[in-house]
Amino acid sequence: MSNSVINWVAEKLVTTEELEIVERTPEDFLVVRAQDGYTFLVAVLGVQNVIELSDVEPLFAGTTKPQFIVNVPSKTLWSGAAIDRIHAESAAFGTLGDVSRAANTENAGSFRDKNMGFFINAMEQHSNVSSISYVYGTVFKVDRKIGESLVVAVIDAYNMSAEDVRNAKSRFGDFDVLVKSSSYGSITNQAEAAAKSMGAQTLTFRQLMGRLGN
């Protein structure tokens, strides 16, 4: 990882005033300390396309392991394999803003995105769902007891448009269901038509719960 990216992240974190960078480890992890004195290690990646298992494995190869991993740019997708490895190491991943939220938990490795956590828990608890796995950070493969598996992508859109659907397709590839993360706003007719042309559906959270059952 280039020094310049790590330095940039270090500078950004310090501007929050809630955090300070105490030092850097020989592995180039940032030693971050919160105002209450809680200290944890942050690893920085600079992956442009998709963060794969091979990108995160070296971070856990030594005796010193990070509790939190951040990538620059933040819009880069995290692959399911990379996420599973991070979670298996009792670590977490997220954006620069998430570092402060992770610090507030006083157990940075346990940090999870609240919105995605809500979706994951709801899908896992559905009576017709047998298991859920990450495809990407906001895309899930949902295995059902009755019916075929579904790939469910979650996006942040107030009034979901056809453009939102097309952007999701170019970002994530194929999916069966595109879900609006917000309970506010609506799904436009154009969005529904765009999804249908791809062999997919656009649904609200409530509609998703129904779809998982049939």
Protein backbone atom coordinates (compact mmCIF):
# COMPACT_ATOMS: atom_id res chain seq x y z
CA MET A 1 0.00 0.00 0.00
CA SER A 2 1.46 3.36 -0.97
CA ASN A 3 2.53 5.70 1.80
CA SER A 4 0.63 8.60 0.25
CA VAL A 5 -2.75 6.85 0.58
CA ILE A 6 -2.05 5.85 4.20
CA ASN A 7 -0.92 9.41 4.99
CA TRP A 8 -4.07 10.80 3.37
CA VAL A 9 -6.28 8.50 5.47
CA ALA A 10 -4.34 9.42 8.62
CA GLU A 11 -4.85 13.14 7.93
CA LYS A 12 -8.56 12.66 7.23
CA LEU A 13 -9.10 10.67 10.43
CA VAL A 14 -7.40 13.29 12.59
CA THR A 15 -9.64 16.08 11.22
CA THR A 16 -12.64 14.45 12.98
CA GLU A 17 -11.23 15.66 16.35
CA GLU A 18 -12.60 12.51 17.96
CA LEU A 19 -9.63 10.44 16.87
CA GLU A 20 -5.86 10.68 16.95
CA ILE A 21 -3.20 8.63 15.23
CA VAL A 22 -0.80 7.49 17.92
CA GLU A 23 1.71 5.77 15.65
CA ARG A 24 2.16 3.39 12.73
CA THR A 25 3.07 -0.25 13.16
CA PRO A 26 5.85 -1.91 11.09
CA GLU A 27 2.99 -3.42 9.01
CA ASP A 28 1.84 0.14 8.20
CA PHE A 29 -1.33 -0.18 10.26
CA LEU A 30 -2.52 3.06 11.85
CA VAL A 31 -2.79 2.97 15.64
CA VAL A 32 -5.99 4.99 16.20
CA ARG A 33 -7.04 6.26 19.61
CA ALA A 34 -10.48 7.56 20.49
CA GLN A 35 -11.12 10.32 23.04
CA ASP A 36 -11.96 7.79 25.76
CA GLY A 37 -8.58 6.13 25.25
CA TYR A 38 -9.85 3.09 23.32
CA THR A 39 -7.13 2.17 20.80
CA PHE A 40 -7.33 -0.07 17.74
CA LEU A 41 -5.48 -0.82 14.49
CA VAL A 42 -6.69 0.37 11.08
CA ALA A 43 -5.34 -1.09 7.83
CA VAL A 44 -5.56 0.92 4.61
CA LEU A 45 -6.11 -0.57 1.13
CA GLY A 46 -6.04 1.22 -2.22
CA VAL A 47 -7.94 -1.20 -4.45
CA GLN A 48 -9.67 0.33 -7.47
CA ASN A 49 -11.93 -2.41 -8.85
CA VAL A 50 -13.08 -5.14 -6.45
CA ILE A 51 -11.47 -5.98 -3.10
CA GLU A 52 -10.74 -9.69 -3.32
CA LEU A 53 -9.68 -12.28 -0.75
CA SER A 54 -6.08 -11.93 -2.01
CA ASP A 55 -6.14 -8.22 -1.06
CA VAL A 56 -7.10 -8.79 2.57
CA GLU A 57 -5.29 -12.05 3.36
CA PRO A 58 -1.83 -10.41 3.74
CA LEU A 59 -3.27 -8.08 6.40
CA PHE A 60 -3.88 -11.06 8.69
CA ALA A 61 -0.70 -12.99 7.86
CA GLY A 62 1.37 -11.68 10.79
CA THR A 63 0.91 -11.71 14.55
CA THR A 64 -0.27 -8.07 14.50
CA LYS A 65 -3.74 -7.92 12.96
CA PRO A 66 -5.98 -4.94 12.21
CA GLN A 67 -9.42 -4.59 13.76
CA PHE A 68 -10.69 -2.35 10.96
CA ILE A 69 -9.94 -2.07 7.23
CA VAL A 70 -10.68 0.97 5.10
CA ASN A 71 -10.26 1.26 1.33
CA VAL A 72 -9.57 4.30 -0.82
CA PRO A 73 -11.64 4.94 -2.93
CA SER A 74 -14.62 4.14 -0.71
CA LYS A 75 -16.90 3.23 -3.65
CA THR A 76 -14.84 0.11 -4.45
CA LEU A 77 -16.83 -3.11 -4.02
CA TRP A 78 -15.87 -5.59 -1.28
CA SER A 79 -16.20 -9.19 -2.51
CA GLY A 80 -18.03 -11.77 -0.43
CA ALA A 81 -14.84 -13.82 0.02
CA ALA A 82 -12.96 -10.78 1.36
CA ILE A 83 -15.82 -9.88 3.72
CA ASP A 84 -16.05 -13.44 5.05
CA ARG A 85 -12.31 -13.49 5.78
CA ILE A 86 -12.43 -10.12 7.54
CA HIS A 87 -15.36 -11.22 9.72
CA ALA A 88 -13.67 -14.58 10.44
CA GLU A 89 -10.74 -12.60 11.86
CA SER A 90 -13.15 -10.69 14.18
CA ALA A 91 -12.40 -7.58 12.16
CA ALA A 92 -14.58 -5.06 10.33
CA PHE A 93 -14.49 -2.97 7.14
CA GLY A 94 -16.04 0.29 6.03
CA THR A 95 -15.55 3.89 4.97
CA LEU A 96 -13.53 6.64 6.62
CA GLY A 97 -16.69 7.80 8.39
CA ASP A 98 -17.20 4.30 9.74
CA VAL A 99 -13.86 4.45 11.58
CA SER A 100 -15.35 6.89 14.12
CA ARG A 101 -18.47 4.74 14.44
CA ALA A 102 -16.29 1.67 15.00
CA ALA A 103 -14.33 3.57 17.66
CA ASN A 104 -17.59 4.38 19.47
CA THR A 105 -18.35 0.66 19.85
CA GLU A 106 -15.07 0.24 21.80
CA ASN A 107 -14.73 -3.04 19.91
CA ALA A 108 -13.92 -1.93 16.38
CA GLY A 109 -13.81 -5.45 14.98
CA SER A 110 -17.48 -5.94 15.88
CA PHE A 111 -18.62 -2.94 13.83
CA ARG A 112 -21.24 -3.73 11.17
CA ASP A 113 -23.16 -1.41 8.86
CA LYS A 114 -26.48 -0.89 10.69
CA ASN A 115 -28.61 -0.68 7.57
CA MET A 116 -27.19 -3.88 6.05
CA GLY A 117 -27.39 -5.56 9.45
CA PHE A 118 -31.11 -4.85 9.50
CA PHE A 119 -31.59 -6.45 6.06
CA ILE A 120 -29.39 -9.46 6.85
CA ASN A 121 -31.17 -10.17 10.15
CA ALA A 122 -34.61 -9.81 8.59
CA MET A 123 -33.75 -12.15 5.70
CA GLU A 124 -32.03 -14.68 7.99
CA GLN A 125 -35.08 -14.81 10.24
CA HIS A 126 -37.47 -15.42 7.33
CA SER A 127 -39.06 -18.86 7.69
CA ASN A 128 -38.27 -19.80 4.07
CA VAL A 129 -34.59 -18.77 4.13
CA SER A 130 -31.95 -21.41 4.83
CA SER A 131 -28.80 -19.28 4.49
CA ILE A 132 -27.43 -15.93 3.32
CA SER A 133 -24.00 -15.17 1.92
CA TYR A 134 -22.31 -11.98 0.78
CA VAL A 135 -21.79 -11.45 -2.95
CA TYR A 136 -20.63 -7.86 -2.27
CA GLY A 137 -21.08 -5.57 0.72
CA THR A 138 -24.68 -4.73 -0.24
CA VAL A 139 -25.50 -7.74 -2.44
CA PHE A 140 -26.55 -11.09 -1.01
CA LYS A 141 -27.23 -14.61 -2.23
CA VAL A 142 -30.28 -15.84 -0.39
CA ASP A 143 -30.78 -19.63 -0.33
CA ARG A 144 -34.38 -20.62 0.25
CA LYS A 145 -35.92 -23.81 1.60
CA ILE A 146 -38.61 -23.75 -1.09
CA GLY A 147 -37.81 -22.04 -4.39
CA GLU A 148 -34.59 -21.12 -6.15
CA SER A 149 -31.86 -18.97 -4.61
CA LEU A 150 -32.18 -15.23 -5.13
CA VAL A 151 -29.50 -12.58 -5.55
CA VAL A 152 -30.71 -9.51 -3.66
CA ALA A 153 -29.02 -6.13 -4.16
CA VAL A 154 -29.74 -3.27 -1.76
CA ILE A 155 -29.35 0.34 -2.89
CA ASP A 156 -29.81 3.71 -1.26
CA ALA A 157 -32.44 5.51 -3.32
CA TYR A 158 -35.33 7.72 -2.24
CA ASN A 159 -37.42 7.46 -5.41
CA MET A 160 -35.86 4.54 -7.27
CA SER A 161 -35.47 5.46 -10.96
CA ALA A 162 -34.61 3.55 -14.12
CA GLU A 163 -31.16 5.12 -13.88
CA ASP A 164 -30.73 3.67 -10.38
CA VAL A 165 -31.56 0.24 -11.78
CA ARG A 166 -29.13 0.56 -14.68
CA ASN A 167 -26.39 1.85 -12.38
CA ALA A 168 -26.92 -1.12 -10.06
CA LYS A 169 -26.68 -3.49 -13.04
CA SER A 170 -23.39 -1.98 -14.23
CA ARG A 171 -22.00 -1.95 -10.68
CA PHE A 172 -23.10 -5.37 -9.42
CA GLY A 173 -23.82 -7.42 -12.54
CA ASP A 174 -26.86 -9.71 -12.50
CA PHE A 175 -29.36 -9.73 -9.65
CA ASP A 176 -32.89 -11.06 -9.17
CA VAL A 177 -34.18 -8.38 -6.83
CA LEU A 178 -33.20 -4.74 -6.34
CA VAL A 179 -34.35 -3.40 -2.98
CA LYS A 180 -34.68 0.17 -1.77
CA SER A 181 -32.94 0.51 1.60
CA SER A 182 -35.11 3.43 2.69
CA SER A 183 -38.73 2.93 3.73
CA TYR A 184 -39.43 6.47 2.46
CA GLY A 185 -39.97 7.49 -1.15
CA SER A 186 -41.15 5.17 -3.88
CA ILE A 187 -40.22 2.98 -6.83
CA THR A 188 -41.03 4.57 -10.18
CA ASN A 189 -42.81 2.73 -12.99
CA GLN A 190 -39.72 3.33 -15.13
CA ALA A 191 -37.56 1.57 -12.55
CA GLU A 192 -39.90 -1.42 -12.53
CA ALA A 193 -39.82 -1.57 -16.34
CA ALA A 194 -36.02 -1.30 -16.47
CA ALA A 195 -35.64 -4.13 -13.96
CA LYS A 196 -38.20 -6.27 -15.80
CA SER A 197 -36.22 -5.87 -19.04
CA MET A 198 -33.24 -7.41 -17.15
CA GLY A 199 -35.33 -10.26 -15.75
CA ALA A 200 -35.29 -8.71 -12.29
CA GLN A 201 -37.70 -7.03 -9.85
CA THR A 202 -37.62 -3.77 -7.91
CA LEU A 203 -39.06 -4.14 -4.42
CA THR A 204 -39.49 -2.35 -1.11
CA PHE A 205 -38.33 -4.10 2.06
CA ARG A 206 -41.87 -5.26 2.83
CA GLN A 207 -42.31 -6.63 -0.71
CA LEU A 208 -38.95 -8.41 -0.40
CA MET A 209 -40.16 -10.26 2.69
CA GLY A 210 -43.14 -11.47 0.68
CA ARG A 211 -40.96 -12.41 -2.30
CA LEU A 212 -38.71 -14.60 -0.15
CA GLY A 213 -41.73 -16.69 0.75
CA ASN A 214 -42.93 -17.42 -2.77
